[in-house]
Amino acid sequence: MSTTRRTMGAMSAIAAAGLVLAACGGTPEGGPGDAGDPGGENGGVDVPADAVEVTFWQTQYTDEENEWYEAVVEEFNDAQDEIFVNHTIVPGDAWDQRMTAAQAAGNQPDLRTMNYGDISDAARTGQITSVADLIDAAAWDDLEDNVREMVTYQEQEYAYPLLVEPSAVLYYRTDLFEEAGLDGPPASWDELVDYADQLTDDTTFGLRLAQDAGDMAWSTWGYQWNVAGHLPISDDWSEPQATEDYAPLLQAFQDMFESGAIPPADGVGYPDASPFGEGRYAMMANGSWAASQLLADYPDIVDDVAVAAMPSFSGQPGETTATLGGWTLVVDGASDVPEEAAAFIEWALGGDVDVLVPFFEATVFSKVSPRISVAEAIAEHPDVDDINPWNVVIQEDIVPYAEAEPQYPWGISLALGEAIELAMQGTPVDEALEYANSEIQTEIDNADLAGS
């Protein structure tokens, strides 16, 4: 670890103090967390005279998650005077524009949140720097092996993870299943299509899936693995592989859309569980994170909701139908203060267990810790299964079989998402797959991906 002894002494003192985090409701306006002023003037907070300032941009999440980040940054800043983290929350729909503008001006943040799927490409292109030697070995050794691999590029760790969460869980209304004479969740995609049709009536759609190419691009990764046994690009990224193996997936979307079991797009993104919570759907595919929204905003339906793994195309249990995604912290490749930025990462995500358990409590255990010690502490929590009644199924039937989300450039995923959308809208499946292969080949050529 290359941080100074003096800095690490301060970090240890902070960790020993621990954190007591309370959800306050809403996202504060103004100050370091104000999304309206990235890289602003610290909201009137005094920066210690000799402190090294680290700018930190965080993607906007739920109120509970935002409050946890804000509290962690505040405690870190209050507990020592050697590093000051200037924290900004940036709405997701503004992220790309603001980051591009900041990079063009040379004032991009030192530290930022990043999802797993972007790490490899960002490392390959020098957008982020390796933190392998900037964070203590004990923190790396505390990670589950598969998640450590997810933050590694060419044998160097480039990010430290906060959480993993499966991208696809089947939520279903047991009361509506009973009314329709259906016993338990569908076991195969053929059954899923059939159930969706049976559950559709004048007031309720059978199934909510991703509704546009952007959401289809990533929410279907697990289904892609399941139906085809591979992703739509070769392992060496040299040629497209959106083969006819994917045809059953595209056909299922097409059939359900034609039957009316899944509706035209309503403008609500895949991660938002509100349409299901409002009773407009009998089944919903969504990530594990949807549990926190349903429990908080729709308690009246909780007793009538069960979860299961999304079905496999073979009809067999224990197959991959979800990917593990989530969020990490990374240090910008152009940062002048990488050691100080990494010191905050180590303290906030890789240090005292008591710093992290409140995050999982605040999100009603709808997310999974990749750290062994934190997962053990959560498992000992006396109220986990009472707080989140779907926790056991997600942990036992979905997470162990989930694959890491792919790390090739986004354009590859988007090409297949667009193909699924085309098929859903009526384009013949073989033509939609031809389109995907053409777009993937263009991406390979333009980004010089072959062999990378």
Protein backbone atom coordinates (compact mmCIF):
# COMPACT_ATOMS: atom_id res chain seq x y z
CA MET A 1 0.00 0.00 0.00
CA SER A 2 1.52 3.29 -1.05
CA THR A 3 -0.47 5.69 1.09
CA THR A 4 1.59 7.29 3.83
CA ARG A 5 1.76 5.95 7.35
CA ARG A 6 0.34 9.24 8.53
CA THR A 7 -2.72 8.92 6.28
CA MET A 8 -3.27 5.27 7.15
CA GLY A 9 -3.12 6.13 10.83
CA ALA A 10 -5.95 8.55 10.30
CA MET A 11 -7.88 5.92 8.35
CA SER A 12 -7.54 3.44 11.21
CA ALA A 13 -8.79 6.00 13.68
CA ILE A 14 -11.86 6.63 11.55
CA ALA A 15 -12.60 2.92 11.19
CA ALA A 16 -12.32 2.41 14.92
CA ALA A 17 -14.86 5.12 15.48
CA GLY A 18 -17.42 3.32 13.29
CA LEU A 19 -20.51 4.87 11.79
CA VAL A 20 -24.08 5.27 12.87
CA LEU A 21 -26.09 6.02 9.74
CA ALA A 22 -29.71 7.07 9.73
CA ALA A 23 -31.99 7.48 6.73
CA CYS A 24 -33.29 11.03 6.66
CA GLY A 25 -35.53 10.91 3.59
CA GLY A 26 -34.95 12.66 0.27
CA THR A 27 -31.81 13.83 -1.47
CA PRO A 28 -30.40 17.00 0.11
CA GLU A 29 -30.02 20.03 -2.11
CA GLY A 30 -26.93 22.18 -2.12
CA GLY A 31 -23.56 21.34 -0.64
CA PRO A 32 -21.15 18.69 -1.84
CA GLY A 33 -24.04 16.36 -2.70
CA ASP A 34 -25.78 18.83 -4.97
CA ALA A 35 -26.14 17.34 -8.45
CA GLY A 36 -26.61 20.84 -9.83
CA ASP A 37 -23.00 21.87 -9.17
CA PRO A 38 -20.52 19.09 -10.02
CA GLY A 39 -17.11 20.05 -8.83
CA GLY A 40 -18.61 23.09 -7.14
CA GLU A 41 -17.54 25.01 -4.11
CA ASN A 42 -18.19 22.47 -1.37
CA GLY A 43 -21.54 23.99 -0.44
CA GLY A 44 -19.90 26.31 2.05
CA VAL A 45 -18.08 23.49 3.85
CA ASP A 46 -14.62 24.56 5.02
CA VAL A 47 -11.80 22.47 3.57
CA PRO A 48 -8.92 22.04 6.05
CA ALA A 49 -6.01 24.22 4.98
CA ASP A 50 -3.52 21.41 4.40
CA ALA A 51 -5.97 18.77 3.17
CA VAL A 52 -5.66 17.08 -0.20
CA GLU A 53 -8.98 17.54 -1.99
CA VAL A 54 -10.50 14.54 -3.80
CA THR A 55 -13.46 15.15 -6.08
CA PHE A 56 -16.01 12.35 -6.06
CA TRP A 57 -18.94 11.99 -8.45
CA GLN A 58 -21.62 9.49 -7.51
CA THR A 59 -24.40 8.29 -9.76
CA GLN A 60 -27.79 9.14 -8.27
CA TYR A 61 -29.44 6.11 -6.70
CA THR A 62 -32.36 5.72 -4.31
CA ASP A 63 -32.74 8.15 -1.42
CA GLU A 64 -31.48 5.49 0.99
CA GLU A 65 -28.36 4.82 -1.02
CA ASN A 66 -27.65 8.50 -1.60
CA GLU A 67 -27.97 9.15 2.14
CA TRP A 68 -25.50 6.36 2.92
CA TYR A 69 -22.90 7.82 0.55
CA GLU A 70 -23.45 11.31 1.95
CA ALA A 71 -23.09 10.11 5.53
CA VAL A 72 -19.93 8.13 4.77
CA VAL A 73 -18.30 11.09 3.05
CA GLU A 74 -19.27 13.41 5.91
CA GLU A 75 -17.92 11.07 8.57
CA PHE A 76 -14.69 10.58 6.63
CA ASN A 77 -14.18 14.33 6.27
CA ASP A 78 -15.05 15.04 9.89
CA ALA A 79 -12.77 12.37 11.34
CA GLN A 80 -9.48 13.55 9.85
CA ASP A 81 -8.02 16.64 8.23
CA GLU A 82 -5.58 15.20 5.69
CA ILE A 83 -8.00 14.35 2.88
CA PHE A 84 -11.21 16.15 1.99
CA VAL A 85 -13.69 14.40 -0.29
CA ASN A 86 -15.85 16.79 -2.28
CA HIS A 87 -18.94 14.70 -3.06
CA THR A 88 -21.40 15.33 -5.91
CA ILE A 89 -24.51 13.32 -6.85
CA VAL A 90 -25.15 13.31 -10.60
CA PRO A 91 -28.47 12.11 -12.05
CA GLY A 92 -28.03 9.09 -14.28
CA ASP A 93 -29.61 10.73 -17.31
CA ALA A 94 -27.10 13.58 -17.08
CA TRP A 95 -24.04 11.49 -16.29
CA ASP A 96 -22.62 10.98 -19.78
CA GLN A 97 -23.07 14.61 -20.79
CA ARG A 98 -21.48 15.98 -17.63
CA MET A 99 -18.61 13.49 -17.68
CA THR A 100 -17.86 14.19 -21.34
CA ALA A 101 -17.85 17.93 -20.68
CA ALA A 102 -15.64 17.54 -17.61
CA GLN A 103 -13.17 15.34 -19.48
CA ALA A 104 -13.01 17.84 -22.35
CA ALA A 105 -12.24 20.61 -19.86
CA GLY A 106 -9.73 18.49 -17.96
CA ASN A 107 -11.61 18.66 -14.66
CA GLN A 108 -13.12 15.20 -14.43
CA PRO A 109 -13.53 13.83 -10.89
CA ASP A 110 -10.71 11.94 -9.20
CA LEU A 111 -13.09 9.30 -7.93
CA ARG A 112 -16.38 8.01 -9.30
CA THR A 113 -18.90 5.22 -9.22
CA MET A 114 -18.77 2.71 -12.08
CA ASN A 115 -20.71 -0.42 -12.91
CA TYR A 116 -18.88 -3.69 -13.50
CA GLY A 117 -19.62 -3.79 -17.21
CA ASP A 118 -17.60 -0.62 -17.89
CA ILE A 119 -14.46 -1.53 -15.94
CA SER A 120 -12.59 -3.57 -18.54
CA ASP A 121 -13.08 -1.09 -21.35
CA ALA A 122 -12.25 1.88 -19.09
CA ALA A 123 -9.07 0.14 -17.95
CA ARG A 124 -8.12 -0.84 -21.49
CA THR A 125 -8.47 2.75 -22.71
CA GLY A 126 -6.74 4.35 -19.72
CA GLN A 127 -9.84 6.10 -18.37
CA ILE A 128 -9.25 4.62 -14.92
CA THR A 129 -6.10 3.65 -13.05
CA SER A 130 -5.23 0.41 -11.29
CA VAL A 131 -5.86 0.49 -7.55
CA ALA A 132 -4.34 -2.93 -6.93
CA ASP A 133 -1.35 -1.54 -5.01
CA LEU A 134 -3.19 1.41 -3.51
CA ILE A 135 -5.57 -0.67 -1.38
CA ASP A 136 -4.41 -3.06 1.31
CA ALA A 137 -4.11 -6.75 0.41
CA ALA A 138 -6.44 -7.71 3.27
CA ALA A 139 -9.27 -5.80 1.58
CA TRP A 140 -8.69 -7.66 -1.69
CA ASP A 141 -8.49 -11.01 0.07
CA ASP A 142 -11.87 -10.35 1.71
CA LEU A 143 -13.63 -10.34 -1.68
CA GLU A 144 -15.37 -13.33 -3.19
CA ASP A 145 -13.13 -14.70 -5.94
CA ASN A 146 -15.68 -14.29 -8.73
CA VAL A 147 -16.26 -10.63 -7.85
CA ARG A 148 -12.56 -9.91 -7.59
CA GLU A 149 -12.27 -11.23 -11.14
CA MET A 150 -15.04 -8.81 -12.18
CA VAL A 151 -12.88 -5.81 -11.19
CA THR A 152 -9.66 -7.20 -12.69
CA TYR A 153 -8.17 -6.37 -16.07
CA GLN A 154 -4.90 -7.97 -17.20
CA GLU A 155 -4.22 -9.23 -13.66
CA GLN A 156 -4.64 -5.81 -12.04
CA GLU A 157 -7.63 -4.68 -9.97
CA TYR A 158 -9.10 -1.43 -11.28
CA ALA A 159 -12.10 -0.98 -8.96
CA TYR A 160 -13.30 -1.89 -5.51
CA PRO A 161 -16.89 -3.19 -5.28
CA LEU A 162 -19.70 -2.13 -2.99
CA LEU A 163 -22.37 -4.62 -4.01
CA VAL A 164 -23.58 -7.21 -6.46
CA GLU A 165 -27.19 -7.76 -7.44
CA PRO A 166 -28.78 -10.20 -9.85
CA SER A 167 -30.29 -8.49 -12.86
CA ALA A 168 -33.31 -10.76 -13.27
CA VAL A 169 -35.68 -12.09 -10.61
CA LEU A 170 -39.23 -13.20 -11.36
CA TYR A 171 -41.74 -11.44 -9.09
CA TYR A 172 -45.27 -12.81 -9.33
CA ARG A 173 -48.66 -12.30 -7.74
CA THR A 174 -49.72 -15.48 -5.98
CA ASP A 175 -53.32 -14.29 -5.67
CA LEU A 176 -53.59 -13.77 -9.44
CA PHE A 177 -51.94 -17.12 -10.08
CA GLU A 178 -54.51 -18.78 -7.82
CA GLU A 179 -57.39 -17.08 -9.63
CA ALA A 180 -56.00 -18.31 -12.95
CA GLY A 181 -55.54 -21.86 -11.64
CA LEU A 182 -51.74 -21.69 -11.93
CA ASP A 183 -49.66 -23.49 -9.34
CA GLY A 184 -46.24 -21.99 -8.76
CA PRO A 185 -43.94 -20.05 -11.06
CA PRO A 186 -43.22 -21.12 -14.65
CA ALA A 187 -40.31 -23.51 -15.02
CA SER A 188 -39.48 -22.83 -18.68
CA TRP A 189 -39.77 -19.98 -21.16
CA ASP A 190 -42.51 -21.90 -22.95
CA GLU A 191 -44.45 -21.89 -19.68
CA LEU A 192 -43.59 -18.22 -19.11
CA VAL A 193 -45.15 -17.32 -22.47
CA ASP A 194 -48.18 -19.49 -21.72
CA TYR A 195 -48.64 -18.12 -18.20
CA ALA A 196 -48.30 -14.53 -19.43
CA ASP A 197 -51.10 -15.18 -21.90
CA GLN A 198 -53.36 -16.80 -19.30
CA LEU A 199 -52.81 -14.00 -16.78
CA THR A 200 -53.64 -11.19 -19.23
CA ASP A 201 -57.11 -9.66 -19.01
CA ASP A 202 -58.78 -6.29 -19.42
CA THR A 203 -57.06 -4.80 -16.37
CA THR A 204 -53.79 -6.72 -16.02
CA PHE A 205 -50.93 -7.59 -18.33
CA GLY A 206 -49.32 -10.99 -17.91
CA LEU A 207 -45.67 -10.02 -17.72
CA ARG A 208 -43.47 -6.94 -17.48
CA LEU A 209 -40.07 -7.21 -19.17
CA ALA A 210 -37.67 -4.55 -20.43
CA GLN A 211 -39.54 -2.42 -22.92
CA ASP A 212 -36.88 -0.75 -25.05
CA ALA A 213 -33.58 -1.63 -26.67
CA GLY A 214 -31.46 0.11 -24.02
CA ASP A 215 -32.96 -1.87 -21.15
CA MET A 216 -33.19 -5.06 -23.22
CA ALA A 217 -29.47 -4.74 -23.95
CA TRP A 218 -28.45 -5.42 -20.35
CA SER A 219 -31.44 -6.96 -18.59
CA THR A 220 -31.38 -9.95 -20.96
CA TRP A 221 -27.71 -10.90 -20.49
CA GLY A 222 -28.68 -13.83 -18.29
CA TYR A 223 -31.29 -15.03 -20.78
CA GLN A 224 -28.68 -14.75 -23.52
CA TRP A 225 -26.33 -17.01 -21.59
CA ASN A 226 -29.16 -19.41 -20.93
CA VAL A 227 -30.64 -19.76 -24.40
CA ALA A 228 -27.40 -19.74 -26.39
CA GLY A 229 -24.68 -20.84 -23.98
CA HIS A 230 -22.58 -17.90 -25.16
CA LEU A 231 -22.70 -14.14 -25.65
CA PRO A 232 -23.10 -12.46 -29.06
CA ILE A 233 -19.37 -11.90 -29.66
CA SER A 234 -16.54 -14.42 -29.72
CA ASP A 235 -14.31 -14.80 -26.67
CA ASP A 236 -11.48 -12.93 -28.38
CA TRP A 237 -13.88 -10.18 -29.52
CA SER A 238 -12.98 -10.78 -33.15
CA GLU A 239 -16.33 -11.76 -34.66
CA PRO A 240 -20.07 -11.50 -33.97
CA GLN A 241 -21.94 -14.50 -32.60
CA ALA A 242 -25.59 -13.44 -32.60
CA THR A 243 -26.43 -16.82 -34.07
CA GLU A 244 -29.73 -18.63 -34.46
CA ASP A 245 -29.11 -19.94 -30.92
CA TYR A 246 -30.76 -16.69 -29.82
CA ALA A 247 -33.89 -17.22 -31.90
CA PRO A 248 -36.04 -18.67 -29.07
CA LEU A 249 -35.42 -15.55 -26.95
CA LEU A 250 -36.37 -13.14 -29.71
CA GLN A 251 -39.36 -15.29 -30.63
CA ALA A 252 -40.62 -15.27 -27.03
CA PHE A 253 -40.59 -11.45 -26.93
CA GLN A 254 -42.37 -11.36 -30.28
CA ASP A 255 -45.03 -13.87 -29.28
CA MET A 256 -45.85 -12.18 -25.98
CA PHE A 257 -46.05 -8.74 -27.58
CA GLU A 258 -48.32 -10.00 -30.35
CA SER A 259 -50.63 -11.68 -27.82
CA GLY A 260 -50.90 -8.54 -25.72
CA ALA A 261 -49.32 -10.22 -22.69
CA ILE A 262 -46.60 -7.56 -22.69
CA PRO A 263 -47.74 -4.05 -23.65
CA PRO A 264 -46.23 -1.27 -25.73
CA ALA A 265 -43.59 0.75 -23.90
CA ASP A 266 -45.01 2.95 -21.16
CA GLY A 267 -41.91 5.07 -20.59
CA VAL A 268 -41.05 3.46 -17.25
CA GLY A 269 -37.57 1.95 -17.15
CA TYR A 270 -36.89 -1.70 -16.38
CA PRO A 271 -35.42 -1.05 -12.90
CA ASP A 272 -38.61 0.69 -11.73
CA ALA A 273 -41.04 -1.73 -10.04
CA SER A 274 -43.92 0.75 -9.72
CA PRO A 275 -46.07 -0.63 -12.59
CA PHE A 276 -46.02 -4.05 -10.92
CA GLY A 277 -46.58 -2.52 -7.48
CA GLU A 278 -49.61 -0.67 -8.80
CA GLY A 279 -51.18 -3.94 -9.92
CA ARG A 280 -50.82 -3.52 -13.66
CA TYR A 281 -48.90 -6.78 -14.07
CA ALA A 282 -49.22 -10.34 -12.78
CA MET A 283 -45.52 -11.09 -13.27
CA MET A 284 -42.44 -8.90 -13.48
CA ALA A 285 -38.83 -9.53 -14.32
CA ASN A 286 -36.66 -7.11 -12.37
CA GLY A 287 -33.46 -7.05 -10.38
CA SER A 288 -33.14 -7.93 -6.72
CA TRP A 289 -33.18 -4.20 -6.02
CA ALA A 290 -36.91 -4.09 -6.81
CA ALA A 291 -37.56 -5.74 -3.45
CA SER A 292 -36.69 -2.53 -1.62
CA GLN A 293 -39.12 -0.49 -3.73
CA LEU A 294 -41.97 -2.97 -3.29
CA LEU A 295 -41.43 -3.26 0.46
CA ALA A 296 -41.23 0.50 0.94
CA ASP A 297 -43.90 1.75 -1.46
CA TYR A 298 -46.36 -1.12 -1.91
CA PRO A 299 -46.65 -2.92 1.45
CA ASP A 300 -50.29 -3.85 0.76
CA ILE A 301 -49.29 -6.36 -1.92
CA VAL A 302 -46.22 -7.85 -0.24
CA ASP A 303 -48.10 -10.84 1.21
CA ASP A 304 -49.34 -11.70 -2.30
CA VAL A 305 -45.94 -11.51 -3.96
CA ALA A 306 -43.48 -14.38 -4.32
CA VAL A 307 -40.19 -14.57 -6.18
CA ALA A 308 -38.41 -17.22 -8.20
CA ALA A 309 -35.50 -17.49 -10.56
CA MET A 310 -36.40 -16.52 -14.08
CA PRO A 311 -37.13 -19.77 -15.90
CA SER A 312 -34.60 -21.49 -18.11
CA PHE A 313 -35.20 -22.35 -21.73
CA SER A 314 -34.54 -26.03 -20.95
CA GLY A 315 -36.99 -26.05 -18.06
CA GLN A 316 -34.27 -27.19 -15.66
CA PRO A 317 -33.55 -25.35 -12.40
CA GLY A 318 -30.11 -24.18 -11.38
CA GLU A 319 -29.17 -22.62 -14.71
CA THR A 320 -27.94 -19.10 -15.40
CA THR A 321 -30.82 -16.74 -16.10
CA ALA A 322 -29.37 -13.62 -14.45
CA THR A 323 -26.12 -11.74 -14.40
CA LEU A 324 -24.47 -10.17 -11.40
CA GLY A 325 -24.04 -6.45 -11.77
CA GLY A 326 -23.66 -3.62 -9.37
CA TRP A 327 -21.48 -0.69 -8.47
CA THR A 328 -17.87 -0.03 -7.62
CA LEU A 329 -15.58 2.93 -6.97
CA VAL A 330 -12.77 3.73 -9.40
CA VAL A 331 -9.98 6.30 -9.62
CA ASP A 332 -9.71 8.36 -12.79
CA GLY A 333 -6.72 7.69 -15.01
CA ALA A 334 -5.84 11.40 -15.04
CA SER A 335 -6.20 11.99 -11.30
CA ASP A 336 -3.35 13.85 -9.59
CA VAL A 337 -4.31 12.33 -6.22
CA PRO A 338 -4.79 8.59 -6.83
CA GLU A 339 -3.41 7.54 -3.44
CA GLU A 340 -5.75 9.81 -1.51
CA ALA A 341 -8.72 8.75 -3.64
CA ALA A 342 -7.87 5.10 -3.02
CA ALA A 343 -7.51 5.77 0.71
CA PHE A 344 -11.15 6.86 0.79
CA ILE A 345 -12.20 3.78 -1.21
CA GLU A 346 -10.36 1.50 1.19
CA TRP A 347 -11.93 3.12 4.23
CA ALA A 348 -15.46 3.33 2.85
CA LEU A 349 -15.70 -0.03 1.06
CA GLY A 350 -12.78 -2.16 2.18
CA GLY A 351 -12.48 -1.38 5.87
CA ASP A 352 -14.64 -1.68 8.98
CA VAL A 353 -17.66 -3.94 8.50
CA ASP A 354 -19.75 -1.52 10.55
CA VAL A 355 -19.39 1.10 7.82
CA LEU A 356 -21.04 -1.18 5.26
CA VAL A 357 -23.75 -3.13 7.08
CA PRO A 358 -25.97 0.00 7.34
CA PHE A 359 -25.97 0.24 3.54
CA PHE A 360 -27.49 -3.23 3.23
CA GLU A 361 -29.91 -2.54 6.08
CA ALA A 362 -31.06 0.69 4.40
CA THR A 363 -31.68 -1.16 1.14
CA VAL A 364 -33.63 -3.90 3.00
CA PHE A 365 -31.06 -6.56 2.09
CA SER A 366 -32.07 -6.39 -1.57
CA LYS A 367 -28.39 -6.33 -2.55
CA VAL A 368 -25.51 -8.67 -1.82
CA SER A 369 -22.13 -7.83 -0.34
CA PRO A 370 -19.13 -9.19 -2.26
CA ARG A 371 -17.04 -9.02 0.90
CA ILE A 372 -16.92 -12.24 2.87
CA SER A 373 -16.76 -10.54 6.26
CA VAL A 374 -19.67 -8.22 5.48
CA ALA A 375 -21.80 -11.06 4.12
CA GLU A 376 -21.14 -13.01 7.32
CA ALA A 377 -22.19 -10.04 9.45
CA ILE A 378 -25.39 -9.66 7.41
CA ALA A 379 -26.14 -13.38 7.74
CA GLU A 380 -26.04 -12.99 11.52
CA HIS A 381 -28.52 -10.11 11.44
CA PRO A 382 -31.58 -11.36 13.35
CA ASP A 383 -34.19 -9.73 11.12
CA VAL A 384 -32.91 -10.27 7.56
CA ASP A 385 -35.68 -12.61 6.44
CA ASP A 386 -38.39 -10.64 8.22
CA ILE A 387 -37.25 -7.41 6.61
CA ASN A 388 -36.95 -8.98 3.15
CA PRO A 389 -39.20 -12.07 2.81
CA TRP A 390 -37.69 -12.87 -0.61
CA ASN A 391 -34.08 -12.85 0.56
CA VAL A 392 -33.64 -16.62 0.91
CA VAL A 393 -34.88 -17.44 -2.60
CA ILE A 394 -32.69 -14.75 -4.16
CA GLN A 395 -29.63 -15.83 -2.19
CA GLU A 396 -30.08 -19.58 -2.71
CA ASP A 397 -31.80 -19.98 -6.08
CA ILE A 398 -30.50 -17.07 -8.14
CA VAL A 399 -27.19 -15.58 -6.96
CA PRO A 400 -25.19 -18.86 -7.03
CA TYR A 401 -26.04 -19.43 -10.69
CA ALA A 402 -25.64 -15.88 -11.97
CA GLU A 403 -22.81 -15.00 -14.35
CA ALA A 404 -20.78 -11.81 -14.18
CA GLU A 405 -22.12 -9.18 -16.53
CA PRO A 406 -20.05 -8.96 -19.74
CA GLN A 407 -17.25 -6.44 -19.99
CA TYR A 408 -17.16 -5.77 -23.70
CA PRO A 409 -18.10 -2.27 -24.93
CA TRP A 410 -21.71 -1.21 -24.59
CA GLY A 411 -22.33 -1.16 -28.33
CA ILE A 412 -22.17 -4.97 -28.41
CA SER A 413 -24.94 -5.28 -25.84
CA LEU A 414 -27.00 -2.56 -27.49
CA ALA A 415 -26.88 -4.34 -30.85
CA LEU A 416 -28.59 -7.41 -29.41
CA GLY A 417 -31.00 -5.24 -27.43
CA GLU A 418 -32.00 -3.53 -30.64
CA ALA A 419 -32.45 -6.92 -32.31
CA ILE A 420 -34.79 -8.07 -29.53
CA GLU A 421 -36.77 -4.85 -29.84
CA LEU A 422 -37.02 -5.28 -33.62
CA ALA A 423 -38.28 -8.84 -33.21
CA MET A 424 -40.80 -7.74 -30.59
CA GLN A 425 -42.11 -5.14 -32.99
CA GLY A 426 -42.59 -7.71 -35.76
CA THR A 427 -39.32 -7.97 -37.66
CA PRO A 428 -38.64 -11.63 -38.57
CA VAL A 429 -36.27 -13.12 -36.02
CA ASP A 430 -33.63 -14.12 -38.56
CA GLU A 431 -33.54 -10.58 -39.95
CA ALA A 432 -33.24 -9.12 -36.46
CA LEU A 433 -30.26 -11.37 -35.75
CA GLU A 434 -28.65 -10.39 -39.05
CA TYR A 435 -29.01 -6.78 -37.96
CA ALA A 436 -27.32 -7.55 -34.61
CA ASN A 437 -24.39 -9.29 -36.29
CA SER A 438 -23.90 -6.38 -38.68
CA GLU A 439 -23.92 -3.85 -35.84
CA ILE A 440 -21.54 -5.96 -33.74
CA GLN A 441 -19.12 -6.28 -36.65
CA THR A 442 -19.18 -2.51 -37.07
CA GLU A 443 -18.42 -2.09 -33.37
CA ILE A 444 -15.53 -4.57 -33.61
CA ASP A 445 -14.08 -2.70 -36.58
CA ASN A 446 -14.58 0.83 -35.24
CA ALA A 447 -13.22 0.09 -31.77
CA ASP A 448 -10.49 -2.26 -32.98
CA LEU A 449 -11.75 -4.94 -30.59
CA ALA A 450 -10.39 -8.05 -32.29
CA GLY A 451 -7.99 -9.77 -29.91
CA SER A 452 -8.26 -7.03 -27.30
